[in-house]
PDB file of N, CA and C in Angstrom:
ATOM      1  N   MET A   1      80.671  85.956  81.992  1.00  0.00           N
ATOM      2  CA  MET A   1      80.599  87.119  81.797  1.00  0.00           C
ATOM      3  C   MET A   1      81.101  87.704  82.421  1.00  0.00           C
ATOM      4  N   VAL A   2      81.382  89.063  82.949  1.00  0.00           N
ATOM      5  CA  VAL A   2      81.025  89.304  84.434  1.00  0.00           C
ATOM      6  C   VAL A   2      80.343  90.776  84.379  1.00  0.00           C
ATOM      7  N   SER A   3      79.799  91.625  84.930  1.00  0.00           N
ATOM      8  CA  SER A   3      79.278  92.640  84.553  1.00  0.00           C
ATOM      9  C   SER A   3      80.302  93.622  85.033  1.00  0.00           C
ATOM     10  N   THR A   4      80.309  94.791  84.470  1.00  0.00           N
ATOM     11  CA  THR A   4      80.798  95.889  84.416  1.00  0.00           C
ATOM     12  C   THR A   4      80.600  96.461  85.853  1.00  0.00           C
ATOM     13  N   VAL A   5      79.411  96.524  86.355  1.00  0.00           N
ATOM     14  CA  VAL A   5      79.831  96.344  87.924  1.00  0.00           C
ATOM     15  C   VAL A   5      80.118  95.741  88.771  1.00  0.00           C
ATOM     16  N   GLU A   6      79.267  94.442  88.249  1.00  0.00           N
ATOM     17  CA  GLU A   6      80.352  93.392  89.277  1.00  0.00           C
ATOM     18  C   GLU A   6      82.177  94.155  89.481  1.00  0.00           C
ATOM     19  N   GLN A   7      82.821  93.429  88.038  1.00  0.00           N
ATOM     20  CA  GLN A   7      83.865  93.986  88.087  1.00  0.00           C
ATOM     21  C   GLN A   7      84.419  95.044  88.710  1.00  0.00           C
ATOM     22  N   ASP A   8      83.798  96.264  89.052  1.00  0.00           N
ATOM     23  CA  ASP A   8      84.246  97.420  89.632  1.00  0.00           C
ATOM     24  C   ASP A   8      84.099  97.303  90.998  1.00  0.00           C
ATOM     25  N   GLU A   9      83.313  96.282  91.088  1.00  0.00           N
ATOM     26  CA  GLU A   9      82.876  96.092  92.783  1.00  0.00           C
ATOM     27  C   GLU A   9      84.028  94.912  92.645  1.00  0.00           C
ATOM     28  N   ILE A  10      83.854  94.513  92.688  1.00  0.00           N
ATOM     29  CA  ILE A  10      85.504  93.215  92.381  1.00  0.00           C
ATOM     30  C   ILE A  10      87.196  94.015  92.611  1.00  0.00           C
ATOM     31  N   MET A  11      86.992  94.938  91.809  1.00  0.00           N
ATOM     32  CA  MET A  11      88.099  96.213  91.457  1.00  0.00           C
ATOM     33  C   MET A  11      88.137  96.214  93.004  1.00  0.00           C
ATOM     34  N   ALA A  12      87.254  97.300  93.495  1.00  0.00           N
ATOM     35  CA  ALA A  12      87.224  98.433  95.037  1.00  0.00           C
ATOM     36  C   ALA A  12      87.509  97.241  96.077  1.00  0.00           C
ATOM     37  N   ARG A  13      86.936  95.739  95.969  1.00  0.00           N
ATOM     38  CA  ARG A  13      87.054  95.189  97.488  1.00  0.00           C
ATOM     39  C   ARG A  13      88.196  95.161  97.626  1.00  0.00           C
ATOM     40  N   LEU A  14      89.477  94.575  96.108  1.00  0.00           N
ATOM     41  CA  LEU A  14      90.290  94.016  96.164  1.00  0.00           C
ATOM     42  C   LEU A  14      91.288  95.110  96.561  1.00  0.00           C
ATOM     43  N   ASP A  15      91.513  96.743  96.158  1.00  0.00           N
ATOM     44  CA  ASP A  15      92.277  97.858  95.952  1.00  0.00           C
ATOM     45  C   ASP A  15      91.777  98.164  97.548  1.00  0.00           C
ATOM     46  N   ALA A  16      90.528  98.145  98.873  1.00  0.00           N
ATOM     47  CA  ALA A  16      90.329  98.153  99.710  1.00  0.00           C
ATOM     48  C   ALA A  16      91.139  97.053 100.142  1.00  0.00           C
ATOM     49  N   LEU A  17      91.144  96.051 100.203  1.00  0.00           N
ATOM     50  CA  LEU A  17      92.064  95.316 100.977  1.00  0.00           C
ATOM     51  C   LEU A  17      93.670  94.970 100.338  1.00  0.00           C
ATOM     52  N   ILE A  18      94.040  95.315  99.571  1.00  0.00           N
ATOM     53  CA  ILE A  18      95.246  96.126  99.347  1.00  0.00           C
ATOM     54  C   ILE A  18      96.040  97.131 100.480  1.00  0.00           C
ATOM     55  N   ARG A  19      94.958  97.694 100.308  1.00  0.00           N
ATOM     56  CA  ARG A  19      95.436  99.032 101.042  1.00  0.00           C
ATOM     57  C   ARG A  19      95.488  98.432 102.194  1.00  0.00           C
ATOM     58  N   GLU A  20      94.166  98.272 103.231  1.00  0.00           N
ATOM     59  CA  GLU A  20      94.757  97.832 104.281  1.00  0.00           C
ATOM     60  C   GLU A  20      95.832  96.549 104.427  1.00  0.00           C
ATOM     61  N   THR A  21      96.080  95.979 103.600  1.00  0.00           N
ATOM     62  CA  THR A  21      97.109  95.144 103.991  1.00  0.00           C
ATOM     63  C   THR A  21      98.587  95.915 103.572  1.00  0.00           C
ATOM     64  N   VAL A  22      98.676  96.902 103.308  1.00  0.00           N
ATOM     65  CA  VAL A  22     100.097  97.863 102.891  1.00  0.00           C
ATOM     66  C   VAL A  22      99.603  98.916 102.273  1.00  0.00           C
ATOM     67  N   PRO A  23      99.681  99.883 104.024  1.00  0.00           N
ATOM     68  CA  PRO A  23      98.947 100.734 104.141  1.00  0.00           C
ATOM     69  C   PRO A  23     100.453 102.019 103.514  1.00  0.00           C
ATOM     70  N   ASP A  24     101.659 101.919 103.168  1.00  0.00           N
ATOM     71  CA  ASP A  24     101.898 102.891 102.399  1.00  0.00           C
ATOM     72  C   ASP A  24     102.408 102.715 100.634  1.00  0.00           C
ATOM     73  N   VAL A  25     101.794 101.141 100.392  1.00  0.00           N
ATOM     74  CA  VAL A  25     101.175 101.224  98.810  1.00  0.00           C
ATOM     75  C   VAL A  25     100.692 102.779  97.932  1.00  0.00           C
ATOM     76  N   GLN A  26     101.657 102.517  96.733  1.00  0.00           N
ATOM     77  CA  GLN A  26     101.428 103.740  96.044  1.00  0.00           C
ATOM     78  C   GLN A  26     100.349 103.042  95.018  1.00  0.00           C
ATOM     79  N   THR A  27     100.116 103.431  93.377  1.00  0.00           N
ATOM     80  CA  THR A  27      99.342 102.385  92.974  1.00  0.00           C
ATOM     81  C   THR A  27      99.502 103.218  91.313  1.00  0.00           C
ATOM     82  N   VAL A  28     100.266 102.350  89.992  1.00  0.00           N
ATOM     83  CA  VAL A  28     100.558 103.018  88.847  1.00  0.00           C
ATOM     84  C   VAL A  28      99.469 102.749  87.878  1.00  0.00           C
ATOM     85  N   THR A  29      99.066 103.034  87.531  1.00  0.00           N
ATOM     86  CA  THR A  29      97.966 102.611  85.729  1.00  0.00           C
ATOM     87  C   THR A  29      99.085 102.358  84.474  1.00  0.00           C
ATOM     88  N   LYS A  30      98.917 101.114  84.640  1.00  0.00           N
ATOM     89  CA  LYS A  30      99.867 100.221  83.336  1.00  0.00           C
ATOM     90  C   LYS A  30      99.319  99.378  83.164  1.00  0.00           C
ATOM     91  N   TYR A  31      99.599  98.616  81.457  1.00  0.00           N
ATOM     92  CA  TYR A  31      98.905  97.608  81.182  1.00  0.00           C
ATOM     93  C   TYR A  31      98.128  97.625  81.266  1.00  0.00           C
ATOM     94  N   GLY A  32      96.772  98.326  81.092  1.00  0.00           N
ATOM     95  CA  GLY A  32      95.159  97.931  81.478  1.00  0.00           C
ATOM     96  C   GLY A  32      94.348  97.955  82.348  1.00  0.00           C
ATOM     97  N   GLY A  33      95.773  98.198  83.515  1.00  0.00           N
ATOM     98  CA  GLY A  33      95.410  97.870  84.976  1.00  0.00           C
ATOM     99  C   GLY A  33      95.987  98.476  86.253  1.00  0.00           C
ATOM    100  N   THR A  34      96.200  98.422  87.114  1.00  0.00           N
ATOM    101  CA  THR A  34      96.232  99.256  88.137  1.00  0.00           C
ATOM    102  C   THR A  34      97.772  98.125  88.864  1.00  0.00           C
ATOM    103  N   LEU A  35      98.703  98.640  89.060  1.00  0.00           N
ATOM    104  CA  LEU A  35     100.115  97.928  89.195  1.00  0.00           C
ATOM    105  C   LEU A  35     100.111  98.480  91.355  1.00  0.00           C
ATOM    106  N   TYR A  36     100.436  97.723  91.803  1.00  0.00           N
ATOM    107  CA  TYR A  36     100.460  97.998  93.392  1.00  0.00           C
ATOM    108  C   TYR A  36     101.939  98.759  93.678  1.00  0.00           C
ATOM    109  N   THR A  37     102.353  99.216  94.730  1.00  0.00           N
ATOM    110  CA  THR A  37     103.572  98.972  94.585  1.00  0.00           C
ATOM    111  C   THR A  37     104.034 100.030  96.067  1.00  0.00           C
ATOM    112  N   LEU A  38     105.184  99.895  96.339  1.00  0.00           N
ATOM    113  CA  LEU A  38     105.576 100.821  97.265  1.00  0.00           C
ATOM    114  C   LEU A  38     107.142 101.381  96.618  1.00  0.00           C
ATOM    115  N   ARG A  39     107.902 101.306  95.311  1.00  0.00           N
ATOM    116  CA  ARG A  39     108.403 101.783  94.297  1.00  0.00           C
ATOM    117  C   ARG A  39     107.994 102.211  93.719  1.00  0.00           C
ATOM    118  N   PRO A  40     107.242 103.135  93.846  1.00  0.00           N
ATOM    119  CA  PRO A  40     106.799 103.639  92.114  1.00  0.00           C
ATOM    120  C   PRO A  40     108.143 103.951  91.012  1.00  0.00           C
ATOM    121  N   GLN A  41     109.379 103.877  91.026  1.00  0.00           N
ATOM    122  CA  GLN A  41     109.794 104.889  90.480  1.00  0.00           C
ATOM    123  C   GLN A  41     110.584 104.142  90.238  1.00  0.00           C
ATOM    124  N   GLN A  42     110.335 102.637  90.794  1.00  0.00           N
ATOM    125  CA  GLN A  42     111.145 101.299  90.040  1.00  0.00           C
ATOM    126  C   GLN A  42     110.153  99.608  89.961  1.00  0.00           C
ATOM    127  N   LYS A  43     110.348  99.545  88.666  1.00  0.00           N
ATOM    128  CA  LYS A  43     109.906  98.089  87.781  1.00  0.00           C
ATOM    129  C   LYS A  43     109.239  97.416  89.040  1.00  0.00           C
ATOM    130  N   GLU A  44     110.884  97.000  89.736  1.00  0.00           N
ATOM    131  CA  GLU A  44     110.722  95.765  90.792  1.00  0.00           C
ATOM    132  C   GLU A  44     110.159  96.270  91.792  1.00  0.00           C
ATOM    133  N   GLY A  45     110.129  97.184  92.385  1.00  0.00           N
ATOM    134  CA  GLY A  45     108.759  97.601  92.787  1.00  0.00           C
ATOM    135  C   GLY A  45     107.484  96.866  93.634  1.00  0.00           C
ATOM    136  N   GLN A  46     106.976  96.705  91.964  1.00  0.00           N
ATOM    137  CA  GLN A  46     105.873  95.891  91.651  1.00  0.00           C
ATOM    138  C   GLN A  46     105.463  95.069  91.626  1.00  0.00           C
ATOM    139  N   PHE A  47     104.441  94.297  93.502  1.00  0.00           N
ATOM    140  CA  PHE A  47     104.574  93.917  93.802  1.00  0.00           C
ATOM    141  C   PHE A  47     102.689  92.394  93.379  1.00  0.00           C
ATOM    142  N   CYS A  48     101.378  93.194  92.810  1.00  0.00           N
ATOM    143  CA  CYS A  48     100.815  93.001  91.965  1.00  0.00           C
ATOM    144  C   CYS A  48     100.201  93.763  91.567  1.00  0.00           C
ATOM    145  N   GLY A  49      99.252  93.437  90.979  1.00  0.00           N
ATOM    146  CA  GLY A  49      98.439  93.891  90.165  1.00  0.00           C
ATOM    147  C   GLY A  49      96.933  93.717  89.530  1.00  0.00           C
ATOM    148  N   VAL A  50      95.725  94.515  89.169  1.00  0.00           N
ATOM    149  CA  VAL A  50      94.527  94.154  89.189  1.00  0.00           C
ATOM    150  C   VAL A  50      93.925  94.731  88.177  1.00  0.00           C
ATOM    151  N   PHE A  51      93.836  93.622  87.234  1.00  0.00           N
ATOM    152  CA  PHE A  51      93.286  93.626  85.844  1.00  0.00           C
ATOM    153  C   PHE A  51      91.739  93.127  85.388  1.00  0.00           C
ATOM    154  N   ALA A  52      91.031  93.502  84.767  1.00  0.00           N
ATOM    155  CA  ALA A  52      89.695  93.175  84.298  1.00  0.00           C
ATOM    156  C   ALA A  52      90.343  92.999  82.831  1.00  0.00           C
ATOM    157  N   ASP A  53      88.701  91.335  83.002  1.00  0.00           N
ATOM    158  CA  ASP A  53      88.396  90.532  82.176  1.00  0.00           C
ATOM    159  C   ASP A  53      86.976  90.949  81.627  1.00  0.00           C
ATOM    160  N   LYS A  54      86.745  89.629  80.732  1.00  0.00           N
ATOM    161  CA  LYS A  54      85.295  90.068  80.287  1.00  0.00           C
ATOM    162  C   LYS A  54      84.712  88.976  81.352  1.00  0.00           C
ATOM    163  N   ALA A  55      85.431  87.675  81.943  1.00  0.00           N
ATOM    164  CA  ALA A  55      85.009  86.821  82.502  1.00  0.00           C
ATOM    165  C   ALA A  55      85.695  86.711  84.459  1.00  0.00           C
ATOM    166  N   HIS A  56      86.254  87.816  84.642  1.00  0.00           N
ATOM    167  CA  HIS A  56      86.960  87.828  85.942  1.00  0.00           C
ATOM    168  C   HIS A  56      87.311  89.108  85.935  1.00  0.00           C
ATOM    169  N   VAL A  57      87.875  89.526  87.371  1.00  0.00           N
ATOM    170  CA  VAL A  57      88.851  90.690  87.411  1.00  0.00           C
ATOM    171  C   VAL A  57      90.324  89.160  88.142  1.00  0.00           C
ATOM    172  N   GLN A  58      91.097  89.853  87.074  1.00  0.00           N
ATOM    173  CA  GLN A  58      92.874  88.650  87.392  1.00  0.00           C
ATOM    174  C   GLN A  58      93.200  89.756  89.188  1.00  0.00           C
ATOM    175  N   LEU A  59      94.172  88.799  89.580  1.00  0.00           N
ATOM    176  CA  LEU A  59      94.484  89.379  90.357  1.00  0.00           C
ATOM    177  C   LEU A  59      96.276  88.988  90.639  1.00  0.00           C
ATOM    178  N   SER A  60      97.713  89.834  89.897  1.00  0.00           N
ATOM    179  CA  SER A  60      98.903  88.883  89.452  1.00  0.00           C
ATOM    180  C   SER A  60      99.328  89.273  90.491  1.00  0.00           C
ATOM    181  N   PHE A  61     100.351  88.628  90.695  1.00  0.00           N
ATOM    182  CA  PHE A  61     101.843  88.792  91.932  1.00  0.00           C
ATOM    183  C   PHE A  61     102.619  88.304  90.736  1.00  0.00           C
ATOM    184  N   SER A  62     104.059  89.878  90.947  1.00  0.00           N
ATOM    185  CA  SER A  62     104.788  89.456  89.752  1.00  0.00           C
ATOM    186  C   SER A  62     105.861  88.856  90.239  1.00  0.00           C
ATOM    187  N   ALA A  63     106.138  87.954  91.525  1.00  0.00           N
ATOM    188  CA  ALA A  63     106.690  87.033  91.878  1.00  0.00           C
ATOM    189  C   ALA A  63     106.263  85.812  92.744  1.00  0.00           C
ATOM    190  N   GLY A  64     104.642  85.618  91.866  1.00  0.00           N
ATOM    191  CA  GLY A  64     103.948  84.449  92.310  1.00  0.00           C
ATOM    192  C   GLY A  64     104.617  83.244  92.172  1.00  0.00           C
ATOM    193  N   ALA A  65     105.082  83.090  91.443  1.00  0.00           N
ATOM    194  CA  ALA A  65     106.239  81.744  91.458  1.00  0.00           C
ATOM    195  C   ALA A  65     106.630  81.667  92.801  1.00  0.00           C
ATOM    196  N   GLY A  66     107.170  82.210  93.532  1.00  0.00           N
ATOM    197  CA  GLY A  66     108.079  82.049  94.816  1.00  0.00           C
ATOM    198  C   GLY A  66     107.061  81.912  95.674  1.00  0.00           C
ATOM    199  N   LEU A  67     105.589  82.350  95.638  1.00  0.00           N
ATOM    200  CA  LEU A  67     104.698  82.829  97.110  1.00  0.00           C
ATOM    201  C   LEU A  67     104.234  81.598  97.088  1.00  0.00           C
ATOM    202  N   PRO A  68     104.498  81.456  98.530  1.00  0.00           N
ATOM    203  CA  PRO A  68     103.970  80.153  98.991  1.00  0.00           C
ATOM    204  C   PRO A  68     101.896  79.504  98.819  1.00  0.00           C
ATOM    205  N   ASP A  69     102.052  79.108  98.335  1.00  0.00           N
ATOM    206  CA  ASP A  69     100.484  78.714  97.678  1.00  0.00           C
ATOM    207  C   ASP A  69      99.833  77.863  98.646  1.00  0.00           C
ATOM    208  N   PRO A  70      99.472  77.225  99.439  1.00  0.00           N
ATOM    209  CA  PRO A  70      99.150  75.924 100.347  1.00  0.00           C
ATOM    210  C   PRO A  70      97.963  75.631  99.732  1.00  0.00           C
ATOM    211  N   ASP A  71      96.651  76.575  99.545  1.00  0.00           N
ATOM    212  CA  ASP A  71      95.806  76.561  99.186  1.00  0.00           C
ATOM    213  C   ASP A  71      95.697  76.011  97.004  1.00  0.00           C
ATOM    214  N   LYS A  72      96.905  76.816  96.762  1.00  0.00           N
ATOM    215  CA  LYS A  72      97.027  76.217  95.083  1.00  0.00           C
ATOM    216  C   LYS A  72      95.888  77.185  94.436  1.00  0.00           C
ATOM    217  N   CYS A  73      95.628  78.050  94.364  1.00  0.00           N
ATOM    218  CA  CYS A  73      94.806  79.319  94.395  1.00  0.00           C
ATOM    219  C   CYS A  73      95.710  80.156  93.209  1.00  0.00           C
ATOM    220  N   LEU A  74      96.894  80.248  92.885  1.00  0.00           N
ATOM    221  CA  LEU A  74      97.695  80.885  91.792  1.00  0.00           C
ATOM    222  C   LEU A  74      97.609  79.671  90.701  1.00  0.00           C
ATOM    223  N   GLN A  75      97.116  80.250  89.685  1.00  0.00           N
ATOM    224  CA  GLN A  75      96.986  80.180  88.095  1.00  0.00           C
ATOM    225  C   GLN A  75      98.214  80.275  87.036  1.00  0.00           C
ATOM    226  N   GLY A  76      99.159  79.983  86.616  1.00  0.00           N
ATOM    227  CA  GLY A  76     100.241  80.359  85.736  1.00  0.00           C
ATOM    228  C   GLY A  76     101.606  78.800  85.903  1.00  0.00           C
ATOM    229  N   GLN A  77     101.857  79.785  84.342  1.00  0.00           N
ATOM    230  CA  GLN A  77     103.418  79.032  83.744  1.00  0.00           C
ATOM    231  C   GLN A  77     104.441  79.829  83.887  1.00  0.00           C
ATOM    232  N   GLY A  78     104.138  80.936  83.862  1.00  0.00           N
ATOM    233  CA  GLY A  78     105.268  81.548  83.545  1.00  0.00           C
ATOM    234  C   GLY A  78     106.338  81.965  84.758  1.00  0.00           C
ATOM    235  N   LYS A  79     107.421  81.579  84.424  1.00  0.00           N
ATOM    236  CA  LYS A  79     108.763  81.743  85.227  1.00  0.00           C
ATOM    237  C   LYS A  79     108.471  82.870  86.213  1.00  0.00           C
ATOM    238  N   HIS A  80     107.951  83.900  85.934  1.00  0.00           N
ATOM    239  CA  HIS A  80     108.290  85.057  87.816  1.00  0.00           C
ATOM    240  C   HIS A  80     106.790  84.417  87.982  1.00  0.00           C
ATOM    241  N   ARG A  81     105.491  85.322  87.526  1.00  0.00           N
ATOM    242  CA  ARG A  81     104.483  85.836  87.892  1.00  0.00           C
ATOM    243  C   ARG A  81     103.049  84.019  87.828  1.00  0.00           C
ATOM    244  N   ARG A  82     102.322  84.676  88.915  1.00  0.00           N
ATOM    245  CA  ARG A  82     101.552  84.052  89.200  1.00  0.00           C
ATOM    246  C   ARG A  82     100.192  84.828  88.836  1.00  0.00           C
ATOM    247  N   HIS A  83      98.808  84.128  88.975  1.00  0.00           N
ATOM    248  CA  HIS A  83      97.875  85.344  88.831  1.00  0.00           C
ATOM    249  C   HIS A  83      96.127  84.136  90.162  1.00  0.00           C
ATOM    250  N   MET A  84      95.533  84.847  90.527  1.00  0.00           N
ATOM    251  CA  MET A  84      94.248  84.127  90.786  1.00  0.00           C
ATOM    252  C   MET A  84      93.074  85.144  89.954  1.00  0.00           C
ATOM    253  N   ARG A  85      91.886  84.421  89.451  1.00  0.00           N
ATOM    254  CA  ARG A  85      91.075  84.845  88.816  1.00  0.00           C
ATOM    255  C   ARG A  85      89.928  84.366  89.737  1.00  0.00           C
ATOM    256  N   ILE A  86      89.117  86.115  89.673  1.00  0.00           N
ATOM    257  CA  ILE A  86      87.742  86.221  90.661  1.00  0.00           C
ATOM    258  C   ILE A  86      86.476  86.981  90.309  1.00  0.00           C
ATOM    259  N   ALA A  87      86.098  85.812  89.964  1.00  0.00           N
ATOM    260  CA  ALA A  87      84.734  85.774  89.109  1.00  0.00           C
ATOM    261  C   ALA A  87      83.082  86.665  90.383  1.00  0.00           C
ATOM    262  N   SER A  88      83.514  87.137  91.461  1.00  0.00           N
ATOM    263  CA  SER A  88      82.265  87.389  92.576  1.00  0.00           C
ATOM    264  C   SER A  88      83.163  88.335  93.473  1.00  0.00           C
ATOM    265  N   ALA A  89      82.468  89.671  94.339  1.00  0.00           N
ATOM    266  CA  ALA A  89      82.863  90.459  94.843  1.00  0.00           C
ATOM    267  C   ALA A  89      82.813  89.603  96.268  1.00  0.00           C
ATOM    268  N   SER A  90      81.584  88.588  96.268  1.00  0.00           N
ATOM    269  CA  SER A  90      82.062  88.032  97.413  1.00  0.00           C
ATOM    270  C   SER A  90      82.774  86.674  98.105  1.00  0.00           C
ATOM    271  N   GLU A  91      83.397  86.929  96.288  1.00  0.00           N
ATOM    272  CA  GLU A  91      85.127  85.718  97.016  1.00  0.00           C
ATOM    273  C   GLU A  91      86.196  86.768  97.500  1.00  0.00           C
ATOM    274  N   VAL A  92      86.407  88.240  97.549  1.00  0.00           N
ATOM    275  CA  VAL A  92      87.238  89.161  98.034  1.00  0.00           C
ATOM    276  C   VAL A  92      87.110  88.934  99.676  1.00  0.00           C
ATOM    277  N   SER A  93      85.672  89.714  99.919  1.00  0.00           N
ATOM    278  CA  SER A  93      84.937  89.000 100.557  1.00  0.00           C
ATOM    279  C   SER A  93      85.283  88.632 102.214  1.00  0.00           C
ATOM    280  N   SER A  94      85.062  87.036 101.555  1.00  0.00           N
ATOM    281  CA  SER A  94      84.906  85.287 101.731  1.00  0.00           C
ATOM    282  C   SER A  94      85.851  85.484 102.817  1.00  0.00           C
ATOM    283  N   GLU A  95      85.717  85.274 104.459  1.00  0.00           N
ATOM    284  CA  GLU A  95      87.054  85.806 105.446  1.00  0.00           C
ATOM    285  C   GLU A  95      87.549  83.853 104.852  1.00  0.00           C
ATOM    286  N   ILE A  96      87.722  83.162 104.480  1.00  0.00           N
ATOM    287  CA  ILE A  96      88.256  82.053 103.633  1.00  0.00           C
ATOM    288  C   ILE A  96      89.441  82.756 102.939  1.00  0.00           C
ATOM    289  N   ARG A  97      88.612  83.365 101.769  1.00  0.00           N
ATOM    290  CA  ARG A  97      89.764  83.837 101.656  1.00  0.00           C
ATOM    291  C   ARG A  97      90.200  84.949 101.138  1.00  0.00           C
ATOM    292  N   ARG A  98      89.569  85.766 102.194  1.00  0.00           N
ATOM    293  CA  ARG A  98      89.606  87.454 102.525  1.00  0.00           C
ATOM    294  C   ARG A  98      91.995  86.739 103.527  1.00  0.00           C
ATOM    295  N   GLU A  99      91.129  86.007 104.228  1.00  0.00           N
ATOM    296  CA  GLU A  99      92.569  85.518 104.944  1.00  0.00           C
ATOM    297  C   GLU A  99      93.750  85.248 104.087  1.00  0.00           C
ATOM    298  N   GLY A 100      93.208  84.274 103.019  1.00  0.00           N
ATOM    299  CA  GLY A 100      94.212  83.984 101.700  1.00  0.00           C
ATOM    300  C   GLY A 100      94.973  84.423 101.299  1.00  0.00           C
ATOM    301  N   LEU A 101      94.480  85.678 101.016  1.00  0.00           N
ATOM    302  CA  LEU A 101      94.560  86.880  99.647  1.00  0.00           C
ATOM    303  C   LEU A 101      96.109  88.017 100.665  1.00  0.00           C
ATOM    304  N   VAL A 102      95.280  87.864 102.161  1.00  0.00           N
ATOM    305  CA  VAL A 102      96.202  88.940 103.214  1.00  0.00           C
ATOM    306  C   VAL A 102      97.680  87.877 103.223  1.00  0.00           C
ATOM    307  N   LYS A 103      97.521  86.780 103.420  1.00  0.00           N
ATOM    308  CA  LYS A 103      99.153  86.124 103.277  1.00  0.00           C
ATOM    309  C   LYS A 103      99.968  85.989 101.941  1.00  0.00           C
ATOM    310  N   LEU A 104      98.729  85.664 101.001  1.00  0.00           N
ATOM    311  CA  LEU A 104      99.655  86.690  99.673  1.00  0.00           C
ATOM    312  C   LEU A 104     100.106  88.056  99.378  1.00  0.00           C
ATOM    313  N   LEU A 105      99.071  88.480  99.999  1.00  0.00           N
ATOM    314  CA  LEU A 105     100.308  90.094  99.394  1.00  0.00           C
ATOM    315  C   LEU A 105     100.353  90.466 100.553  1.00  0.00           C
ATOM    316  N   ARG A 106     100.896  89.865 102.033  1.00  0.00           N
ATOM    317  CA  ARG A 106     102.293  90.034 102.656  1.00  0.00           C
ATOM    318  C   ARG A 106     102.959  89.241 102.537  1.00  0.00           C
ATOM    319  N   ALA A 107     103.753  87.935 102.184  1.00  0.00           N
ATOM    320  CA  ALA A 107     104.098  87.407 101.433  1.00  0.00           C
ATOM    321  C   ALA A 107     105.057  88.158  99.860  1.00  0.00           C
ATOM    322  N   ALA A 108     103.800  88.729  98.947  1.00  0.00           N
ATOM    323  CA  ALA A 108     104.554  89.029  97.277  1.00  0.00           C
ATOM    324  C   ALA A 108     105.049  90.451  97.736  1.00  0.00           C
ATOM    325  N   VAL A 109     104.805  91.273  99.059  1.00  0.00           N
ATOM    326  CA  VAL A 109     105.920  92.603  99.490  1.00  0.00           C
ATOM    327  C   VAL A 109     106.932  92.074  99.820  1.00  0.00           C
ATOM    328  N   ALA A 110     107.439  91.090 100.915  1.00  0.00           N
ATOM    329  CA  ALA A 110     108.125  90.302 101.156  1.00  0.00           C
ATOM    330  C   ALA A 110     109.093  90.040 100.271  1.00  0.00           C
ATOM    331  N   ALA A 111     108.431  89.524  99.703  1.00  0.00           N
ATOM    332  CA  ALA A 111     109.676  88.794  98.372  1.00  0.00           C
ATOM    333  C   ALA A 111     110.334  89.891  97.592  1.00  0.00           C
ATOM    334  N   GLN A 112     110.115  91.674  97.805  1.00  0.00           N
ATOM    335  CA  GLN A 112     109.892  92.322  96.720  1.00  0.00           C
ATOM    336  C   GLN A 112     110.712  92.791  98.061  1.00  0.00           C
ATOM    337  N   GLY A 113     111.655  92.491  99.033  1.00  0.00           N
ATOM    338  CA  GLY A 113     112.432  93.242  99.516  1.00  0.00           C
ATOM    339  C   GLY A 113     112.286  94.475 100.784  1.00  0.00           C
TER     340      GLY A 113
END
């Protein structure tokens, strides 16, 4: 189980990373989390979302099944979505993980056209 304080820190670090990687991003609060989009009026513009869970924070990718994942960090078996579970703020800040997250975010934006 992740404390509320740790969840808040993870979500803040993910939000900062997403905004740094995709400067024109806008957010939509939906499904109990925050969705990130370049086209807030279109559902198809949502490329990722951040959701709190008791044991972790989930970073979900709308078109995750088609994203390159050489490190095999994406989970899920759905037709389109994939997600990763993040259980500590340090996971977002570690240089190796951060580099992989940036690549996934850029690929997710590109997949939205």
